[in-house]
Amino acid sequence: MLEPLFQPFLIDWLVPSASTYADDIDFLWELIFWIVGAWFLATEGIFFWLIIKFAKKRSPKAQYITGELKSQKQYISYPHMAVLVFDILILVFAVKVWYDVKQDLPPAESTVRVIGQQWAWTFQNAGPDGKLDSADDITTMNELHVQLGTVYHYKLEALDVLHNFSVPVFRLKQDAIPGRVITGWFEPTLTGEYDVQCAEICGIGHGLMGARIHIETPEQHAAWMASHAPISLASATPDVSAEE
């Protein structure tokens, strides 16, 4: 894992990190912040220094410079090369984070289906058998329950228009596209109740399309699953032999 440069200063100060890759994404944002911030301060410092140094009262005669001499071009060429070096540095870390989050799919310990529609979220948890679309699945509206320390695959769908499944504490944002099932993953690292948002303008009720994710300990999650387990066919069917 990559460590954030100054974790309390940026997003983690306001929004906790609750997934295994959240700190990696925070690190990338902070890396960009510090590099761009340093160049911004340097550029503005030089800009105001030149304004003061070459004020009209100090330099009444302006000098026309073509920039063809090496001694003149170095003030452009060297900073340009330095910027390219920092761009490559950012790109290296960005590709690593992208690969870890979007391409390297770890084996799933459980699976959830996430369905976006105007204007609500439907969540389908795999039951005790660990498989979706079976008799023991648990379906909830605007409320997702997951277990701490478990690798989840999510199957993301949209019923009508473009939506975006956003979980800020996971640093997760993924478009939901009608007609497609998009697979992604997360592993919760912090218990609690947090926001789920739609981060794609999807109509007049977009701002109301919020949900909650509950990250629970194994004991809490087992209790929740037991309390929401669908009635099995066996318990719903009368025992004819007993009646005889």
Protein backbone atom coordinates (compact mmCIF):
# COMPACT_ATOMS: atom_id res chain seq x y z
CA MET A 1 0.00 0.00 0.00
CA LEU A 2 1.08 3.57 -0.68
CA GLU A 3 1.14 5.89 2.32
CA PRO A 4 -0.48 9.35 2.09
CA LEU A 5 2.04 12.22 2.23
CA PHE A 6 0.10 14.27 4.77
CA GLN A 7 -3.02 12.33 5.55
CA PRO A 8 -4.81 14.72 7.94
CA PHE A 9 -4.51 17.66 5.53
CA LEU A 10 -6.71 16.51 2.67
CA ILE A 11 -9.78 14.33 2.16
CA ASP A 12 -9.12 11.83 4.96
CA TRP A 13 -9.51 14.65 7.47
CA LEU A 14 -13.15 15.07 6.43
CA VAL A 15 -14.06 11.68 4.94
CA PRO A 16 -12.49 8.58 6.54
CA SER A 17 -10.88 5.92 4.40
CA ALA A 18 -12.73 2.63 4.75
CA SER A 19 -11.39 0.37 1.98
CA THR A 20 -8.07 -1.28 1.26
CA TYR A 21 -7.37 0.97 -1.73
CA ALA A 22 -8.68 4.26 -0.31
CA ASP A 23 -5.26 5.29 1.01
CA ASP A 24 -3.66 4.58 -2.38
CA ILE A 25 -6.10 6.93 -4.09
CA ASP A 26 -5.58 9.55 -1.37
CA PHE A 27 -1.82 9.26 -1.89
CA LEU A 28 -2.20 9.92 -5.61
CA TRP A 29 -4.36 12.99 -5.04
CA GLU A 30 -1.95 14.32 -2.44
CA LEU A 31 1.03 13.70 -4.69
CA ILE A 32 -0.63 15.77 -7.44
CA PHE A 33 -1.62 18.45 -4.90
CA TRP A 34 1.90 18.92 -3.55
CA ILE A 35 3.61 18.86 -6.95
CA VAL A 36 1.16 21.26 -8.59
CA GLY A 37 1.06 23.44 -5.46
CA ALA A 38 4.85 23.75 -5.35
CA TRP A 39 5.02 24.75 -9.02
CA PHE A 40 2.16 27.23 -8.55
CA LEU A 41 3.91 28.96 -5.65
CA ALA A 42 7.22 29.03 -7.52
CA THR A 43 5.59 30.48 -10.64
CA GLU A 44 3.67 33.15 -8.75
CA GLY A 45 6.76 34.05 -6.74
CA ILE A 46 8.83 34.56 -9.87
CA PHE A 47 5.99 36.46 -11.52
CA PHE A 48 5.69 39.03 -8.73
CA TRP A 49 9.47 39.23 -8.33
CA LEU A 50 9.78 40.20 -12.00
CA ILE A 51 7.00 42.78 -11.65
CA ILE A 52 8.82 44.42 -8.74
CA LYS A 53 12.35 44.09 -10.12
CA PHE A 54 11.53 45.44 -13.57
CA ALA A 55 9.05 48.13 -12.60
CA LYS A 56 9.06 51.13 -14.93
CA LYS A 57 10.76 53.39 -12.40
CA ARG A 58 13.66 50.91 -12.09
CA SER A 59 13.90 49.90 -15.76
CA PRO A 60 12.63 52.76 -17.91
CA LYS A 61 13.87 51.16 -21.14
CA ALA A 62 12.44 47.82 -22.19
CA GLN A 63 14.65 45.29 -23.96
CA TYR A 64 13.35 43.10 -26.77
CA ILE A 65 14.49 39.48 -26.38
CA THR A 66 14.02 36.94 -29.18
CA GLY A 67 14.77 33.91 -27.01
CA GLU A 68 17.15 32.38 -29.53
CA LEU A 69 20.24 32.43 -27.33
CA LYS A 70 20.91 29.39 -25.15
CA SER A 71 21.38 31.61 -22.12
CA GLN A 72 17.84 32.92 -22.69
CA LYS A 73 16.14 29.64 -23.61
CA GLN A 74 17.38 27.89 -20.47
CA TYR A 75 14.81 29.73 -18.36
CA ILE A 76 12.11 27.98 -20.39
CA SER A 77 13.79 24.67 -21.27
CA TYR A 78 14.90 23.64 -17.78
CA PRO A 79 11.52 24.21 -16.07
CA HIS A 80 9.84 22.48 -19.03
CA MET A 81 12.01 19.38 -18.57
CA ALA A 82 11.36 19.42 -14.83
CA VAL A 83 7.60 19.51 -15.45
CA LEU A 84 7.91 16.52 -17.79
CA VAL A 85 9.79 14.58 -15.10
CA PHE A 86 7.04 15.26 -12.56
CA ASP A 87 4.38 14.34 -15.14
CA ILE A 88 6.06 10.97 -15.63
CA LEU A 89 6.25 10.49 -11.85
CA ILE A 90 2.51 11.16 -11.50
CA LEU A 91 1.77 8.85 -14.43
CA VAL A 92 3.75 5.96 -12.89
CA PHE A 93 1.80 6.15 -9.63
CA ALA A 94 -1.52 6.73 -11.44
CA VAL A 95 -1.08 3.61 -13.59
CA LYS A 96 -0.23 1.53 -10.51
CA VAL A 97 -3.32 2.72 -8.63
CA TRP A 98 -5.53 2.24 -11.71
CA TYR A 99 -4.27 -1.32 -12.16
CA ASP A 100 -4.76 -2.24 -8.51
CA VAL A 101 -8.29 -0.81 -8.32
CA LYS A 102 -9.74 -1.36 -11.80
CA GLN A 103 -7.85 -4.22 -13.46
CA ASP A 104 -6.44 -6.56 -10.82
CA LEU A 105 -9.63 -8.20 -9.57
CA PRO A 106 -8.95 -10.24 -6.40
CA PRO A 107 -10.95 -13.42 -5.76
CA ALA A 108 -14.38 -12.69 -4.31
CA GLU A 109 -15.43 -13.84 -0.85
CA SER A 110 -18.95 -12.53 -1.42
CA THR A 111 -20.92 -10.81 -4.19
CA VAL A 112 -23.52 -8.06 -4.24
CA ARG A 113 -25.64 -6.74 -7.09
CA VAL A 114 -26.07 -2.97 -7.24
CA ILE A 115 -28.90 -1.61 -9.39
CA GLY A 116 -29.39 2.10 -10.03
CA GLN A 117 -32.69 3.50 -11.19
CA GLN A 118 -34.53 6.82 -11.09
CA TRP A 119 -34.12 7.55 -8.20
CA ALA A 120 -33.09 4.78 -5.84
CA TRP A 121 -30.58 1.99 -5.28
CA THR A 122 -31.47 -1.68 -5.05
CA PHE A 123 -28.93 -3.99 -3.41
CA GLN A 124 -28.98 -7.77 -3.67
CA ASN A 125 -26.77 -9.65 -1.21
CA ALA A 126 -25.79 -13.24 -1.76
CA GLY A 127 -27.16 -15.40 1.05
CA PRO A 128 -25.34 -18.07 3.05
CA ASP A 129 -24.58 -20.04 -0.13
CA GLY A 130 -22.47 -17.11 -1.40
CA LYS A 131 -24.18 -17.09 -4.81
CA LEU A 132 -26.41 -14.47 -6.35
CA ASP A 133 -29.78 -15.29 -7.89
CA SER A 134 -30.50 -18.14 -5.52
CA ALA A 135 -33.35 -18.67 -3.08
CA ASP A 136 -31.50 -17.25 -0.07
CA ASP A 137 -30.61 -13.85 -1.61
CA ILE A 138 -31.43 -10.75 0.46
CA THR A 139 -32.72 -7.70 -1.42
CA THR A 140 -32.82 -4.23 0.15
CA MET A 141 -33.65 -0.72 -1.03
CA ASN A 142 -31.20 2.15 -0.37
CA GLU A 143 -29.42 0.12 2.31
CA LEU A 144 -26.34 -2.02 1.69
CA HIS A 145 -24.93 -4.27 4.41
CA VAL A 146 -21.40 -5.65 4.08
CA GLN A 147 -18.94 -7.39 6.36
CA LEU A 148 -15.66 -5.94 7.59
CA GLY A 149 -12.53 -7.45 6.03
CA THR A 150 -14.40 -9.32 3.26
CA VAL A 151 -13.52 -8.96 -0.42
CA TYR A 152 -16.71 -8.15 -2.33
CA HIS A 153 -17.36 -8.21 -6.02
CA TYR A 154 -20.19 -5.92 -7.07
CA LYS A 155 -22.26 -6.37 -10.21
CA LEU A 156 -23.35 -2.87 -11.19
CA GLU A 157 -26.37 -2.26 -13.42
CA ALA A 158 -28.67 0.61 -14.44
CA LEU A 159 -32.32 0.12 -15.32
CA ASP A 160 -33.00 3.38 -17.15
CA VAL A 161 -30.31 6.07 -17.57
CA LEU A 162 -26.67 6.58 -16.64
CA HIS A 163 -26.03 6.51 -12.90
CA ASN A 164 -22.81 6.45 -10.90
CA PHE A 165 -22.22 4.24 -7.87
CA SER A 166 -20.20 6.39 -5.49
CA VAL A 167 -19.04 5.39 -1.99
CA PRO A 168 -16.85 8.28 -0.72
CA VAL A 169 -15.32 6.34 2.19
CA PHE A 170 -14.17 3.67 -0.26
CA ARG A 171 -12.95 6.31 -2.77
CA LEU A 172 -15.11 4.35 -5.20
CA LYS A 173 -16.90 5.84 -8.22
CA GLN A 174 -18.13 3.71 -11.10
CA ASP A 175 -20.60 4.54 -13.86
CA ALA A 176 -23.67 2.33 -14.15
CA ILE A 177 -24.60 1.95 -17.81
CA PRO A 178 -27.95 0.62 -19.07
CA GLY A 179 -27.55 -2.72 -20.81
CA ARG A 180 -24.21 -3.52 -19.18
CA VAL A 181 -23.15 -5.36 -16.04
CA ILE A 182 -19.93 -3.86 -14.68
CA THR A 183 -17.88 -5.85 -12.18
CA GLY A 184 -15.74 -4.16 -9.56
CA TRP A 185 -14.54 -4.86 -6.05
CA PHE A 186 -13.95 -3.42 -2.58
CA GLU A 187 -12.82 -4.66 0.82
CA PRO A 188 -14.16 -2.69 3.82
CA THR A 189 -11.65 -1.84 6.55
CA LEU A 190 -13.70 0.31 8.94
CA THR A 191 -17.03 -0.41 10.61
CA GLY A 192 -19.78 2.18 10.61
CA GLU A 193 -22.60 3.66 8.53
CA TYR A 194 -21.67 5.82 5.54
CA ASP A 195 -23.10 7.50 2.46
CA VAL A 196 -23.73 5.99 -0.95
CA GLN A 197 -24.33 8.55 -3.68
CA CYS A 198 -25.22 8.82 -7.33
CA ALA A 199 -22.44 10.90 -8.88
CA GLU A 200 -24.00 11.18 -12.35
CA ILE A 201 -26.81 13.66 -13.03
CA CYS A 202 -29.67 11.30 -13.82
CA GLY A 203 -32.79 13.44 -13.77
CA ILE A 204 -34.85 15.70 -11.55
CA GLY A 205 -34.52 13.40 -8.50
CA HIS A 206 -30.73 13.01 -8.79
CA GLY A 207 -30.04 14.95 -5.62
CA LEU A 208 -32.36 12.67 -3.64
CA MET A 209 -30.75 9.44 -4.85
CA GLY A 210 -28.83 8.65 -1.70
CA ALA A 211 -28.36 5.41 0.21
CA ARG A 212 -26.42 4.10 3.21
CA ILE A 213 -23.78 1.41 3.49
CA HIS A 214 -23.46 -0.45 6.79
CA ILE A 215 -20.04 -2.00 7.42
CA GLU A 216 -20.47 -4.59 10.15
CA THR A 217 -18.36 -6.98 12.17
CA PRO A 218 -18.76 -10.68 11.28
CA GLU A 219 -21.09 -11.14 14.26
CA GLN A 220 -23.23 -8.12 13.35
CA HIS A 221 -23.40 -9.13 9.71
CA ALA A 222 -24.37 -12.72 10.55
CA ALA A 223 -27.14 -11.42 12.80
CA TRP A 224 -28.39 -9.08 10.06
CA MET A 225 -28.42 -11.87 7.48
CA ALA A 226 -30.24 -14.18 9.86
CA SER A 227 -32.88 -11.54 10.58
CA HIS A 228 -33.44 -10.84 6.86
CA ALA A 229 -33.18 -14.37 5.50
CA PRO A 230 -36.10 -15.20 3.20
CA ILE A 231 -38.50 -17.92 4.30
CA SER A 232 -37.33 -21.17 2.82
CA LEU A 233 -39.61 -23.36 0.75
CA ALA A 234 -39.26 -26.11 3.33
CA SER A 235 -40.58 -24.00 6.19
CA ALA A 236 -43.30 -22.46 4.00
CA THR A 237 -44.67 -25.86 2.85
CA PRO A 238 -46.94 -27.71 5.30
CA ASP A 239 -45.76 -31.12 6.46
CA VAL A 240 -48.48 -33.39 5.00
CA SER A 241 -47.12 -36.57 6.61
CA ALA A 242 -47.38 -35.04 10.07
CA GLU A 243 -51.01 -34.15 9.50
CA GLU A 244 -51.82 -37.76 8.51
